[in-house]
PDB file of N, CA and C in Angstrom:
ATOM      1  N   MET A   1     152.992  46.499  57.815  1.00  0.00           N
ATOM      2  CA  MET A   1     151.788  46.424  56.755  1.00  0.00           C
ATOM      3  C   MET A   1     152.956  46.795  55.811  1.00  0.00           C
ATOM      4  N   THR A   2     151.958  46.371  54.030  1.00  0.00           N
ATOM      5  CA  THR A   2     152.904  46.446  53.117  1.00  0.00           C
ATOM      6  C   THR A   2     152.339  48.257  52.601  1.00  0.00           C
ATOM      7  N   ALA A   3     152.882  48.425  51.818  1.00  0.00           N
ATOM      8  CA  ALA A   3     152.831  49.794  50.907  1.00  0.00           C
ATOM      9  C   ALA A   3     151.458  49.484  50.106  1.00  0.00           C
ATOM     10  N   ASP A   4     151.158  48.202  49.480  1.00  0.00           N
ATOM     11  CA  ASP A   4     150.368  48.449  48.262  1.00  0.00           C
ATOM     12  C   ASP A   4     148.911  47.867  49.315  1.00  0.00           C
ATOM     13  N   ALA A   5     148.754  48.230  50.899  1.00  0.00           N
ATOM     14  CA  ALA A   5     147.252  48.097  50.713  1.00  0.00           C
ATOM     15  C   ALA A   5     146.381  49.351  50.374  1.00  0.00           C
ATOM     16  N   ASP A   6     145.205  48.526  50.469  1.00  0.00           N
ATOM     17  CA  ASP A   6     144.244  49.681  50.488  1.00  0.00           C
ATOM     18  C   ASP A   6     143.804  50.812  51.400  1.00  0.00           C
ATOM     19  N   PRO A   7     144.010  52.198  51.445  1.00  0.00           N
ATOM     20  CA  PRO A   7     144.061  52.949  52.189  1.00  0.00           C
ATOM     21  C   PRO A   7     142.243  53.208  52.508  1.00  0.00           C
ATOM     22  N   SER A   8     141.698  52.706  52.149  1.00  0.00           N
ATOM     23  CA  SER A   8     140.161  52.966  52.410  1.00  0.00           C
ATOM     24  C   SER A   8     139.784  51.930  53.314  1.00  0.00           C
ATOM     25  N   ARG A   9     140.622  50.613  53.467  1.00  0.00           N
ATOM     26  CA  ARG A   9     140.004  49.600  54.648  1.00  0.00           C
ATOM     27  C   ARG A   9     139.715  49.988  55.924  1.00  0.00           C
ATOM     28  N   PRO A  10     141.246  50.805  56.450  1.00  0.00           N
ATOM     29  CA  PRO A  10     140.406  50.846  57.904  1.00  0.00           C
ATOM     30  C   PRO A  10     139.341  52.130  58.171  1.00  0.00           C
ATOM     31  N   ALA A  11     139.555  52.888  57.091  1.00  0.00           N
ATOM     32  CA  ALA A  11     137.682  53.796  57.294  1.00  0.00           C
ATOM     33  C   ALA A  11     136.615  52.950  57.010  1.00  0.00           C
ATOM     34  N   GLU A  12     136.437  52.027  56.276  1.00  0.00           N
ATOM     35  CA  GLU A  12     135.719  50.829  56.241  1.00  0.00           C
ATOM     36  C   GLU A  12     135.088  49.817  57.407  1.00  0.00           C
ATOM     37  N   ARG A  13     136.722  49.861  58.510  1.00  0.00           N
ATOM     38  CA  ARG A  13     136.259  49.143  59.351  1.00  0.00           C
ATOM     39  C   ARG A  13     135.774  49.835  60.698  1.00  0.00           C
ATOM     40  N   THR A  14     136.206  51.021  60.335  1.00  0.00           N
ATOM     41  CA  THR A  14     135.849  52.245  61.434  1.00  0.00           C
ATOM     42  C   THR A  14     134.193  52.480  61.301  1.00  0.00           C
ATOM     43  N   ARG A  15     133.746  52.593  59.781  1.00  0.00           N
ATOM     44  CA  ARG A  15     132.091  52.710  59.459  1.00  0.00           C
ATOM     45  C   ARG A  15     131.656  51.889  60.230  1.00  0.00           C
ATOM     46  N   LEU A  16     132.269  50.591  59.889  1.00  0.00           N
ATOM     47  CA  LEU A  16     131.745  49.069  60.043  1.00  0.00           C
ATOM     48  C   LEU A  16     131.415  48.965  61.825  1.00  0.00           C
ATOM     49  N   ALA A  17     132.263  49.483  62.465  1.00  0.00           N
ATOM     50  CA  ALA A  17     132.294  49.274  64.038  1.00  0.00           C
ATOM     51  C   ALA A  17     130.933  50.275  64.559  1.00  0.00           C
ATOM     52  N   TRP A  18     131.060  51.363  63.868  1.00  0.00           N
ATOM     53  CA  TRP A  18     130.168  52.255  64.228  1.00  0.00           C
ATOM     54  C   TRP A  18     128.616  52.309  64.233  1.00  0.00           C
ATOM     55  N   ARG A  19     128.468  51.044  63.042  1.00  0.00           N
ATOM     56  CA  ARG A  19     127.096  50.522  63.049  1.00  0.00           C
ATOM     57  C   ARG A  19     126.919  49.658  63.861  1.00  0.00           C
ATOM     58  N   ARG A  20     127.710  48.914  64.301  1.00  0.00           N
ATOM     59  CA  ARG A  20     127.737  47.743  64.951  1.00  0.00           C
ATOM     60  C   ARG A  20     127.385  48.569  66.555  1.00  0.00           C
ATOM     61  N   THR A  21     128.054  49.209  66.554  1.00  0.00           N
ATOM     62  CA  THR A  21     127.635  50.382  68.538  1.00  0.00           C
ATOM     63  C   THR A  21     126.221  50.653  67.989  1.00  0.00           C
ATOM     64  N   ALA A  22     126.118  51.389  66.680  1.00  0.00           N
ATOM     65  CA  ALA A  22     124.833  52.097  67.197  1.00  0.00           C
ATOM     66  C   ALA A  22     123.368  51.253  66.639  1.00  0.00           C
ATOM     67  N   LEU A  23     123.839  49.825  66.022  1.00  0.00           N
ATOM     68  CA  LEU A  23     122.668  48.748  66.656  1.00  0.00           C
ATOM     69  C   LEU A  23     122.372  48.229  67.801  1.00  0.00           C
ATOM     70  N   ALA A  24     124.070  48.083  68.573  1.00  0.00           N
ATOM     71  CA  ALA A  24     123.642  47.540  69.986  1.00  0.00           C
ATOM     72  C   ALA A  24     123.111  48.995  70.943  1.00  0.00           C
ATOM     73  N   ALA A  25     123.733  50.212  70.538  1.00  0.00           N
ATOM     74  CA  ALA A  25     122.582  51.234  71.341  1.00  0.00           C
ATOM     75  C   ALA A  25     121.499  51.244  71.233  1.00  0.00           C
ATOM     76  N   GLY A  26     121.025  51.049  69.549  1.00  0.00           N
ATOM     77  CA  GLY A  26     119.083  50.430  69.579  1.00  0.00           C
ATOM     78  C   GLY A  26     118.276  49.668  70.049  1.00  0.00           C
ATOM     79  N   VAL A  27     119.408  48.617  70.367  1.00  0.00           N
ATOM     80  CA  VAL A  27     118.650  47.593  71.080  1.00  0.00           C
ATOM     81  C   VAL A  27     118.905  47.806  72.486  1.00  0.00           C
ATOM     82  N   VAL A  28     119.574  48.806  72.945  1.00  0.00           N
ATOM     83  CA  VAL A  28     119.455  48.699  74.497  1.00  0.00           C
ATOM     84  C   VAL A  28     118.486  50.042  74.533  1.00  0.00           C
ATOM     85  N   ALA A  29     118.067  50.857  73.813  1.00  0.00           N
ATOM     86  CA  ALA A  29     117.108  51.622  73.951  1.00  0.00           C
ATOM     87  C   ALA A  29     115.997  51.091  73.738  1.00  0.00           C
ATOM     88  N   LEU A  30     115.476  49.873  72.891  1.00  0.00           N
ATOM     89  CA  LEU A  30     114.486  49.431  73.216  1.00  0.00           C
ATOM     90  C   LEU A  30     114.324  48.694  74.511  1.00  0.00           C
ATOM     91  N   LEU A  31     115.077  48.027  74.723  1.00  0.00           N
ATOM     92  CA  LEU A  31     114.851  47.473  75.882  1.00  0.00           C
ATOM     93  C   LEU A  31     114.418  48.102  77.158  1.00  0.00           C
ATOM     94  N   ALA A  32     115.122  49.676  77.327  1.00  0.00           N
ATOM     95  CA  ALA A  32     115.161  50.302  78.449  1.00  0.00           C
ATOM     96  C   ALA A  32     113.634  51.104  77.759  1.00  0.00           C
ATOM     97  N   ALA A  33     112.965  51.357  76.668  1.00  0.00           N
ATOM     98  CA  ALA A  33     111.669  51.642  76.087  1.00  0.00           C
ATOM     99  C   ALA A  33     110.587  50.785  76.662  1.00  0.00           C
ATOM    100  N   ARG A  34     111.169  49.298  76.767  1.00  0.00           N
ATOM    101  CA  ARG A  34     110.266  48.244  76.968  1.00  0.00           C
ATOM    102  C   ARG A  34     110.294  48.423  78.879  1.00  0.00           C
ATOM    103  N   LEU A  35     111.377  48.599  79.406  1.00  0.00           N
ATOM    104  CA  LEU A  35     111.333  48.720  80.667  1.00  0.00           C
ATOM    105  C   LEU A  35     110.594  49.577  80.991  1.00  0.00           C
ATOM    106  N   ALA A  36     110.784  50.948  80.625  1.00  0.00           N
ATOM    107  CA  ALA A  36     110.052  52.073  81.032  1.00  0.00           C
ATOM    108  C   ALA A  36     108.486  52.116  80.664  1.00  0.00           C
ATOM    109  N   LEU A  37     108.280  51.165  80.177  1.00  0.00           N
ATOM    110  CA  LEU A  37     106.238  51.164  79.536  1.00  0.00           C
ATOM    111  C   LEU A  37     105.858  49.891  80.561  1.00  0.00           C
ATOM    112  N   ARG A  38     107.013  49.076  81.058  1.00  0.00           N
ATOM    113  CA  ARG A  38     106.183  48.409  82.272  1.00  0.00           C
ATOM    114  C   ARG A  38     105.761  48.944  83.227  1.00  0.00           C
ATOM    115  N   SER A  39     106.847  50.059  83.549  1.00  0.00           N
ATOM    116  CA  SER A  39     106.702  51.173  84.829  1.00  0.00           C
ATOM    117  C   SER A  39     105.810  52.251  84.781  1.00  0.00           C
ATOM    118  N   ALA A  40     105.103  52.249  83.334  1.00  0.00           N
ATOM    119  CA  ALA A  40     104.138  53.420  83.286  1.00  0.00           C
ATOM    120  C   ALA A  40     104.407  54.755  83.219  1.00  0.00           C
ATOM    121  N   ASP A  41     106.180  54.649  83.043  1.00  0.00           N
ATOM    122  CA  ASP A  41     106.720  55.937  82.721  1.00  0.00           C
ATOM    123  C   ASP A  41     106.876  56.620  82.056  1.00  0.00           C
ATOM    124  N   PRO A  42     106.147  57.379  81.223  1.00  0.00           N
ATOM    125  CA  PRO A  42     106.141  58.020  79.570  1.00  0.00           C
ATOM    126  C   PRO A  42     107.173  58.751  79.710  1.00  0.00           C
ATOM    127  N   ALA A  43     107.922  59.692  80.641  1.00  0.00           N
ATOM    128  CA  ALA A  43     109.164  60.424  80.599  1.00  0.00           C
ATOM    129  C   ALA A  43     110.518  59.255  79.955  1.00  0.00           C
ATOM    130  N   ALA A  44     110.352  58.360  81.091  1.00  0.00           N
ATOM    131  CA  ALA A  44     111.065  57.527  81.005  1.00  0.00           C
ATOM    132  C   ALA A  44     111.631  56.636  79.594  1.00  0.00           C
ATOM    133  N   VAL A  45     110.833  56.822  78.606  1.00  0.00           N
ATOM    134  CA  VAL A  45     110.341  56.137  77.760  1.00  0.00           C
ATOM    135  C   VAL A  45     110.600  56.950  76.468  1.00  0.00           C
ATOM    136  N   GLY A  46     111.363  58.604  76.804  1.00  0.00           N
ATOM    137  CA  GLY A  46     111.499  59.523  76.074  1.00  0.00           C
ATOM    138  C   GLY A  46     113.280  59.087  76.477  1.00  0.00           C
ATOM    139  N   LEU A  47     113.339  59.412  77.675  1.00  0.00           N
ATOM    140  CA  LEU A  47     114.816  59.113  77.795  1.00  0.00           C
ATOM    141  C   LEU A  47     115.449  57.853  77.615  1.00  0.00           C
ATOM    142  N   ALA A  48     114.881  56.888  77.028  1.00  0.00           N
ATOM    143  CA  ALA A  48     115.469  55.960  76.287  1.00  0.00           C
ATOM    144  C   ALA A  48     115.824  55.890  75.259  1.00  0.00           C
ATOM    145  N   VAL A  49     115.575  56.972  74.691  1.00  0.00           N
ATOM    146  CA  VAL A  49     115.845  57.041  73.433  1.00  0.00           C
ATOM    147  C   VAL A  49     116.934  58.012  72.827  1.00  0.00           C
ATOM    148  N   LEU A  50     117.454  58.635  74.002  1.00  0.00           N
ATOM    149  CA  LEU A  50     118.248  60.265  74.161  1.00  0.00           C
ATOM    150  C   LEU A  50     119.798  59.717  73.921  1.00  0.00           C
ATOM    151  N   PRO A  51     120.121  58.342  74.974  1.00  0.00           N
ATOM    152  CA  PRO A  51     121.617  58.150  74.600  1.00  0.00           C
ATOM    153  C   PRO A  51     121.402  57.239  72.946  1.00  0.00           C
ATOM    154  N   CYS A  52     121.128  56.772  72.269  1.00  0.00           N
ATOM    155  CA  CYS A  52     120.664  56.557  71.291  1.00  0.00           C
ATOM    156  C   CYS A  52     120.782  57.595  70.210  1.00  0.00           C
ATOM    157  N   LEU A  53     119.886  58.039  70.496  1.00  0.00           N
ATOM    158  CA  LEU A  53     120.357  59.197  69.416  1.00  0.00           C
ATOM    159  C   LEU A  53     121.677  59.645  69.341  1.00  0.00           C
ATOM    160  N   ALA A  54     122.027  59.956  70.581  1.00  0.00           N
ATOM    161  CA  ALA A  54     123.597  60.637  70.357  1.00  0.00           C
ATOM    162  C   ALA A  54     124.521  59.577  70.065  1.00  0.00           C
ATOM    163  N   VAL A  55     124.716  58.496  70.433  1.00  0.00           N
ATOM    164  CA  VAL A  55     125.606  57.589  69.573  1.00  0.00           C
ATOM    165  C   VAL A  55     125.344  57.834  68.003  1.00  0.00           C
ATOM    166  N   LEU A  56     123.973  57.669  67.281  1.00  0.00           N
ATOM    167  CA  LEU A  56     123.746  57.801  66.311  1.00  0.00           C
ATOM    168  C   LEU A  56     124.165  58.799  65.842  1.00  0.00           C
ATOM    169  N   ALA A  57     124.289  60.008  65.998  1.00  0.00           N
ATOM    170  CA  ALA A  57     125.041  61.285  65.454  1.00  0.00           C
ATOM    171  C   ALA A  57     126.388  61.280  65.265  1.00  0.00           C
ATOM    172  N   LEU A  58     126.923  60.734  66.702  1.00  0.00           N
ATOM    173  CA  LEU A  58     128.255  60.557  66.639  1.00  0.00           C
ATOM    174  C   LEU A  58     128.317  59.609  65.931  1.00  0.00           C
ATOM    175  N   GLY A  59     128.031  58.847  65.486  1.00  0.00           N
ATOM    176  CA  GLY A  59     128.523  58.075  64.845  1.00  0.00           C
ATOM    177  C   GLY A  59     128.446  58.140  63.220  1.00  0.00           C
ATOM    178  N   ARG A  60     127.518  59.148  63.024  1.00  0.00           N
ATOM    179  CA  ARG A  60     127.334  59.926  61.728  1.00  0.00           C
ATOM    180  C   ARG A  60     128.697  61.093  61.381  1.00  0.00           C
ATOM    181  N   ARG A  61     128.984  61.630  62.575  1.00  0.00           N
ATOM    182  CA  ARG A  61     129.808  62.835  62.707  1.00  0.00           C
ATOM    183  C   ARG A  61     131.089  62.113  62.361  1.00  0.00           C
ATOM    184  N   ARG A  62     131.493  60.414  62.608  1.00  0.00           N
ATOM    185  CA  ARG A  62     132.847  60.334  62.840  1.00  0.00           C
ATOM    186  C   ARG A  62     132.855  59.354  61.165  1.00  0.00           C
ATOM    187  N   ALA A  63     131.682  59.612  60.592  1.00  0.00           N
ATOM    188  CA  ALA A  63     131.637  58.641  59.321  1.00  0.00           C
ATOM    189  C   ALA A  63     131.912  59.541  58.640  1.00  0.00           C
ATOM    190  N   ARG A  64     131.350  61.004  58.553  1.00  0.00           N
ATOM    191  CA  ARG A  64     132.015  61.964  58.187  1.00  0.00           C
ATOM    192  C   ARG A  64     132.864  63.047  57.763  1.00  0.00           C
ATOM    193  N   ARG A  65     133.486  62.592  59.117  1.00  0.00           N
ATOM    194  CA  ARG A  65     135.171  62.649  59.025  1.00  0.00           C
ATOM    195  C   ARG A  65     135.908  61.683  58.202  1.00  0.00           C
ATOM    196  N   LEU A  66     135.614  60.599  58.406  1.00  0.00           N
ATOM    197  CA  LEU A  66     136.716  59.611  57.343  1.00  0.00           C
ATOM    198  C   LEU A  66     136.332  60.078  56.150  1.00  0.00           C
ATOM    199  N   ALA A  67     135.628  60.742  55.906  1.00  0.00           N
ATOM    200  CA  ALA A  67     135.781  60.833  54.064  1.00  0.00           C
ATOM    201  C   ALA A  67     136.449  61.866  53.958  1.00  0.00           C
ATOM    202  N   GLY A  68     136.756  62.526  54.365  1.00  0.00           N
ATOM    203  CA  GLY A  68     137.765  63.854  54.652  1.00  0.00           C
ATOM    204  C   GLY A  68     138.911  63.694  54.868  1.00  0.00           C
ATOM    205  N   THR A  69     139.569  64.441  56.271  1.00  0.00           N
ATOM    206  CA  THR A  69     140.769  64.315  56.346  1.00  0.00           C
ATOM    207  C   THR A  69     140.230  63.919  58.132  1.00  0.00           C
ATOM    208  N   PRO A  70     140.251  62.399  58.508  1.00  0.00           N
ATOM    209  CA  PRO A  70     140.812  62.012  59.319  1.00  0.00           C
ATOM    210  C   PRO A  70     141.081  62.647  60.652  1.00  0.00           C
ATOM    211  N   LEU A  71     140.163  63.065  61.552  1.00  0.00           N
ATOM    212  CA  LEU A  71     140.301  63.436  62.863  1.00  0.00           C
ATOM    213  C   LEU A  71     139.514  62.916  64.136  1.00  0.00           C
ATOM    214  N   ILE A  72     140.621  62.713  64.803  1.00  0.00           N
ATOM    215  CA  ILE A  72     139.930  62.154  66.547  1.00  0.00           C
ATOM    216  C   ILE A  72     139.965  62.993  67.307  1.00  0.00           C
ATOM    217  N   THR A  73     138.328  63.587  68.159  1.00  0.00           N
ATOM    218  CA  THR A  73     138.608  64.584  68.632  1.00  0.00           C
ATOM    219  C   THR A  73     137.645  63.587  70.550  1.00  0.00           C
ATOM    220  N   LEU A  74     138.012  64.558  70.849  1.00  0.00           N
ATOM    221  CA  LEU A  74     137.895  63.621  72.398  1.00  0.00           C
ATOM    222  C   LEU A  74     136.121  63.763  72.438  1.00  0.00           C
ATOM    223  N   ALA A  75     135.920  64.338  71.779  1.00  0.00           N
ATOM    224  CA  ALA A  75     134.207  64.088  72.277  1.00  0.00           C
ATOM    225  C   ALA A  75     133.430  63.378  71.439  1.00  0.00           C
ATOM    226  N   THR A  76     133.704  62.368  71.100  1.00  0.00           N
ATOM    227  CA  THR A  76     133.733  61.096  70.598  1.00  0.00           C
ATOM    228  C   THR A  76     133.265  60.193  71.572  1.00  0.00           C
ATOM    229  N   PRO A  77     134.844  59.824  71.612  1.00  0.00           N
ATOM    230  CA  PRO A  77     134.776  58.872  72.957  1.00  0.00           C
ATOM    231  C   PRO A  77     133.589  59.150  74.506  1.00  0.00           C
ATOM    232  N   VAL A  78     134.106  60.594  74.780  1.00  0.00           N
ATOM    233  CA  VAL A  78     133.138  60.783  75.535  1.00  0.00           C
ATOM    234  C   VAL A  78     131.988  61.014  75.883  1.00  0.00           C
ATOM    235  N   GLY A  79     131.705  61.125  74.290  1.00  0.00           N
ATOM    236  CA  GLY A  79     129.840  60.949  74.263  1.00  0.00           C
ATOM    237  C   GLY A  79     129.339  59.829  74.038  1.00  0.00           C
ATOM    238  N   VAL A  80     130.339  58.448  73.471  1.00  0.00           N
ATOM    239  CA  VAL A  80     129.876  57.313  73.880  1.00  0.00           C
ATOM    240  C   VAL A  80     129.845  56.655  75.498  1.00  0.00           C
ATOM    241  N   ALA A  81     130.858  57.117  75.823  1.00  0.00           N
ATOM    242  CA  ALA A  81     130.907  57.106  77.462  1.00  0.00           C
ATOM    243  C   ALA A  81     129.601  57.917  78.243  1.00  0.00           C
ATOM    244  N   LEU A  82     129.379  58.867  78.138  1.00  0.00           N
ATOM    245  CA  LEU A  82     128.108  59.367  78.511  1.00  0.00           C
ATOM    246  C   LEU A  82     126.574  58.997  78.188  1.00  0.00           C
ATOM    247  N   ALA A  83     127.039  58.055  77.201  1.00  0.00           N
ATOM    248  CA  ALA A  83     125.606  57.988  76.960  1.00  0.00           C
ATOM    249  C   ALA A  83     125.490  55.961  77.046  1.00  0.00           C
ATOM    250  N   VAL A  84     126.868  55.451  77.367  1.00  0.00           N
ATOM    251  CA  VAL A  84     126.073  54.344  78.427  1.00  0.00           C
ATOM    252  C   VAL A  84     126.272  54.923  79.989  1.00  0.00           C
ATOM    253  N   VAL A  85     126.843  55.634  80.386  1.00  0.00           N
ATOM    254  CA  VAL A  85     126.463  55.834  81.766  1.00  0.00           C
ATOM    255  C   VAL A  85     124.825  56.377  81.848  1.00  0.00           C
ATOM    256  N   ALA A  86     124.491  57.129  81.093  1.00  0.00           N
ATOM    257  CA  ALA A  86     123.293  57.712  81.275  1.00  0.00           C
ATOM    258  C   ALA A  86     121.932  56.520  80.860  1.00  0.00           C
ATOM    259  N   TYR A  87     122.667  55.335  79.995  1.00  0.00           N
ATOM    260  CA  TYR A  87     121.506  53.924  79.964  1.00  0.00           C
ATOM    261  C   TYR A  87     121.678  53.480  81.210  1.00  0.00           C
ATOM    262  N   ALA A  88     122.725  53.058  82.210  1.00  0.00           N
ATOM    263  CA  ALA A  88     122.981  52.399  83.481  1.00  0.00           C
ATOM    264  C   ALA A  88     122.158  53.309  84.497  1.00  0.00           C
ATOM    265  N   VAL A  89     122.013  54.715  84.225  1.00  0.00           N
ATOM    266  CA  VAL A  89     121.712  55.635  84.996  1.00  0.00           C
ATOM    267  C   VAL A  89     120.032  55.062  84.924  1.00  0.00           C
ATOM    268  N   LEU A  90     119.640  55.239  83.457  1.00  0.00           N
ATOM    269  CA  LEU A  90     118.100  55.377  83.317  1.00  0.00           C
ATOM    270  C   LEU A  90     117.857  53.245  83.730  1.00  0.00           C
ATOM    271  N   GLY A  91     118.387  52.672  83.626  1.00  0.00           N
ATOM    272  CA  GLY A  91     117.899  51.395  83.766  1.00  0.00           C
ATOM    273  C   GLY A  91     117.820  51.252  85.616  1.00  0.00           C
ATOM    274  N   ALA A  92     118.961  51.505  85.853  1.00  0.00           N
ATOM    275  CA  ALA A  92     118.969  51.589  87.604  1.00  0.00           C
ATOM    276  C   ALA A  92     117.943  52.206  88.490  1.00  0.00           C
ATOM    277  N   ALA A  93     117.590  53.558  87.744  1.00  0.00           N
ATOM    278  CA  ALA A  93     116.308  53.958  88.163  1.00  0.00           C
ATOM    279  C   ALA A  93     115.097  53.415  87.681  1.00  0.00           C
ATOM    280  N   LEU A  94     114.969  52.779  86.331  1.00  0.00           N
ATOM    281  CA  LEU A  94     113.655  52.125  86.407  1.00  0.00           C
ATOM    282  C   LEU A  94     113.382  50.744  86.964  1.00  0.00           C
ATOM    283  N   VAL A  95     114.597  50.426  87.694  1.00  0.00           N
ATOM    284  CA  VAL A  95     114.274  49.010  88.488  1.00  0.00           C
ATOM    285  C   VAL A  95     113.904  49.478  89.620  1.00  0.00           C
ATOM    286  N   VAL A  96     114.840  50.383  90.170  1.00  0.00           N
ATOM    287  CA  VAL A  96     114.726  50.749  91.782  1.00  0.00           C
ATOM    288  C   VAL A  96     113.081  50.972  91.444  1.00  0.00           C
ATOM    289  N   LEU A  97     112.385  52.052  91.071  1.00  0.00           N
ATOM    290  CA  LEU A  97     110.633  52.572  90.886  1.00  0.00           C
ATOM    291  C   LEU A  97     110.383  51.317  90.614  1.00  0.00           C
TER     292      LEU A  97
END
């Protein structure tokens, strides 16, 4: 890496990565909500949106930290992992029911 490299580029790449992650979570939320609507379970529709909102909140929190002092906490990857597990459990429950 050269000394004259733009220091804002890693922050920009991280923001873009979080946008892609949020977009993917939104698509999964829509697919889970569609599956929940087919099973006629209104509570599952609400549960389909919660992990997506968690990913959006984590991404927003990370973007704010990039504006200041970058600090990676364990809550960010653990939160995203929990959202993925929540989608897997919800999807399995909807398919079985």
